[in-house]
Structures are given as structure tokens and as C-alpha cells.
Protein backbone atom coordinates (compact mmCIF):
# COMPACT_ATOMS: atom_id res chain seq x y z
CA MET A 1 0.07 -0.19 -0.01
CA ALA A 2 1.39 3.38 -0.96
CA ASN A 3 1.72 5.90 1.65
CA SER A 4 3.16 9.32 1.21
CA LEU A 5 5.01 9.30 4.64
CA VAL A 6 6.99 6.23 3.57
CA THR A 7 10.08 7.16 1.85
CA GLU A 8 12.08 4.72 -0.36
CA THR A 9 14.58 4.35 2.41
CA ASN A 10 11.78 3.60 4.90
CA GLN A 11 10.03 0.98 2.55
CA ALA A 12 13.11 -0.86 2.26
CA CYS A 13 13.14 -1.22 6.18
CA LEU A 14 9.30 -1.82 6.40
CA ASP A 15 9.82 -4.82 3.93
CA ALA A 16 12.63 -6.11 5.83
CA CYS A 17 10.70 -5.98 9.05
CA ALA A 18 7.48 -7.60 7.55
CA TYR A 19 9.05 -11.14 7.87
CA THR A 20 7.18 -13.34 10.40
CA CYS A 21 9.58 -15.34 12.49
CA CYS A 22 9.25 -19.10 13.21
CA LEU A 23 6.88 -19.85 16.05
CA PRO A 24 7.47 -21.54 19.52
CA SER A 25 7.94 -25.23 19.30
CA ALA A 26 6.91 -27.90 21.62
CA ASP A 27 10.53 -29.04 21.62
CA SER A 28 11.87 -27.55 24.96
CA ALA A 29 15.27 -27.12 23.54
CA MET A 30 13.88 -24.59 21.17
CA ALA A 31 11.67 -22.70 23.60
CA SER A 32 13.93 -19.88 23.97
CA CYS A 33 14.16 -19.65 20.19
CA GLY A 34 10.49 -19.24 19.77
CA GLN A 35 10.14 -16.75 22.57
CA MET A 36 12.85 -14.67 21.11
CA CYS A 37 10.96 -14.93 17.49
CA LEU A 38 7.73 -13.58 19.22
CA ASP A 39 9.65 -10.72 20.88
CA CYS A 40 11.44 -10.12 17.61
CA ALA A 41 8.12 -10.09 15.76
CA ALA A 42 6.60 -7.72 17.91
CA LEU A 43 9.13 -5.19 17.99
CA CYS A 44 9.28 -5.34 14.14
CA ARG A 45 5.71 -4.65 13.99
CA LEU A 46 6.31 -1.59 16.19
CA CYS A 47 8.98 -0.58 13.83
CA GLU A 48 7.00 -0.94 10.74
CA LEU A 49 4.13 1.14 12.42
CA LEU A 50 6.47 3.98 13.41
CA LEU A 51 8.04 4.02 10.08
CA ALA A 52 4.85 4.16 8.18
CA ARG A 53 3.77 7.18 10.23
CA GLY A 54 6.96 8.96 9.81
CA SER A 55 7.47 8.97 13.75
CA ALA A 56 10.19 10.85 15.29
CA LEU A 57 11.03 7.85 17.32
CA ALA A 58 11.46 5.66 14.49
CA ASP A 59 15.23 5.91 14.53
CA ARG A 60 15.63 5.06 17.95
CA ILE A 61 12.99 2.02 17.75
CA CYS A 62 15.01 0.87 14.55
CA GLN A 63 18.20 0.89 16.51
CA LEU A 64 16.56 -1.49 19.22
CA CYS A 65 15.07 -3.43 16.53
CA ALA A 66 18.48 -4.09 14.75
CA GLU A 67 19.74 -5.16 18.14
CA VAL A 68 16.76 -7.75 18.87
CA CYS A 69 16.81 -8.97 15.22
CA ASP A 70 20.63 -9.72 15.59
CA ALA A 71 20.01 -11.52 18.87
CA CYS A 72 17.15 -13.25 17.24
CA ALA A 73 19.20 -14.53 14.30
CA SER A 74 21.78 -15.64 16.72
CA GLU A 75 19.33 -17.77 18.55
CA CYS A 76 17.79 -19.21 15.41
CA GLU A 77 21.05 -20.09 14.01
CA ARG A 78 21.58 -22.56 16.84
CA PHE A 79 18.93 -24.91 15.37
CA ASP A 80 19.06 -26.87 11.97
CA ALA A 81 15.19 -26.45 11.18
CA GLN A 82 14.73 -24.84 7.91
CA ALA A 83 12.16 -22.24 9.77
CA CYS A 84 14.96 -21.31 11.97
CA GLN A 85 17.38 -20.74 9.10
CA THR A 86 14.95 -18.77 7.13
CA CYS A 87 14.10 -16.69 10.11
CA ALA A 88 17.79 -16.05 11.01
CA GLN A 89 18.50 -14.80 7.40
CA ALA A 90 15.43 -12.56 7.64
CA CYS A 91 16.33 -11.21 10.88
CA ARG A 92 19.97 -10.39 9.59
CA ALA A 93 18.53 -8.36 6.71
CA CYS A 94 16.00 -6.50 8.91
CA ALA A 95 18.75 -5.85 11.27
CA GLU A 96 20.97 -4.32 8.33
CA GLN A 97 18.11 -2.37 7.11
CA CYS A 98 17.12 -1.04 10.46
CA ARG A 99 20.75 0.00 11.44
CA GLY A 100 20.74 1.91 8.24
CA MET A 101 17.51 3.66 9.48
CA ALA A 102 18.88 4.61 12.69
CA THR A 103 21.64 6.39 11.25
CA VAL A 104 19.43 8.39 8.66
């Protein structure tokens, strides 16, 4: 959806933040991964909302989002499941985009 508040730079970050991470697993070894993914997804949604509105707080939330996405990627990379590997790649891409937004 086009939005006049969303610049081309913001759109790249919005697109990166839009990935839905893997969900919590019944496997107790992966419980922390699932929890981290839920936290990461919630923060990415907040980042998306603030970017879409052109909020003055977006740069600070983008910095936090980058940190959380990196942590989520590191957690997901501990597991061989394809969903975890896909999530890790998406989180790394989101972190890179968010770091770029935080310095704009």
C-alpha cells in the first residue's frame, strides 16, 4: 500500500521488518528460540508502524529493532530447522536495514 509518509528508504526497512519469524515449538530445547522470535516479531511490527507514520521515534526504535533482530538471528542459527534458518536470514536482513534507518 502506498503511503506518502513512507520514503523509499523507509520502505526497504518496512519490507525487511515484515517477515514473520518461526513460532514457538513444543521442543523444549527450542523454547528460547520461539520466545525470541515472538519478541522480535512484536518489535518489528512496532518499527513498521512508526516508520509508516514517519514518527520522530522511529530511528531509536530501529536501533533497538536491529539489536533484537541480531539476537533473534543468533538464537535461530543454533537450530537446524529450515524455519529457524529462514528466520535467521530474515532477521539479519532486517537488522541491516534497521541499522541504516537508525543513522538516517
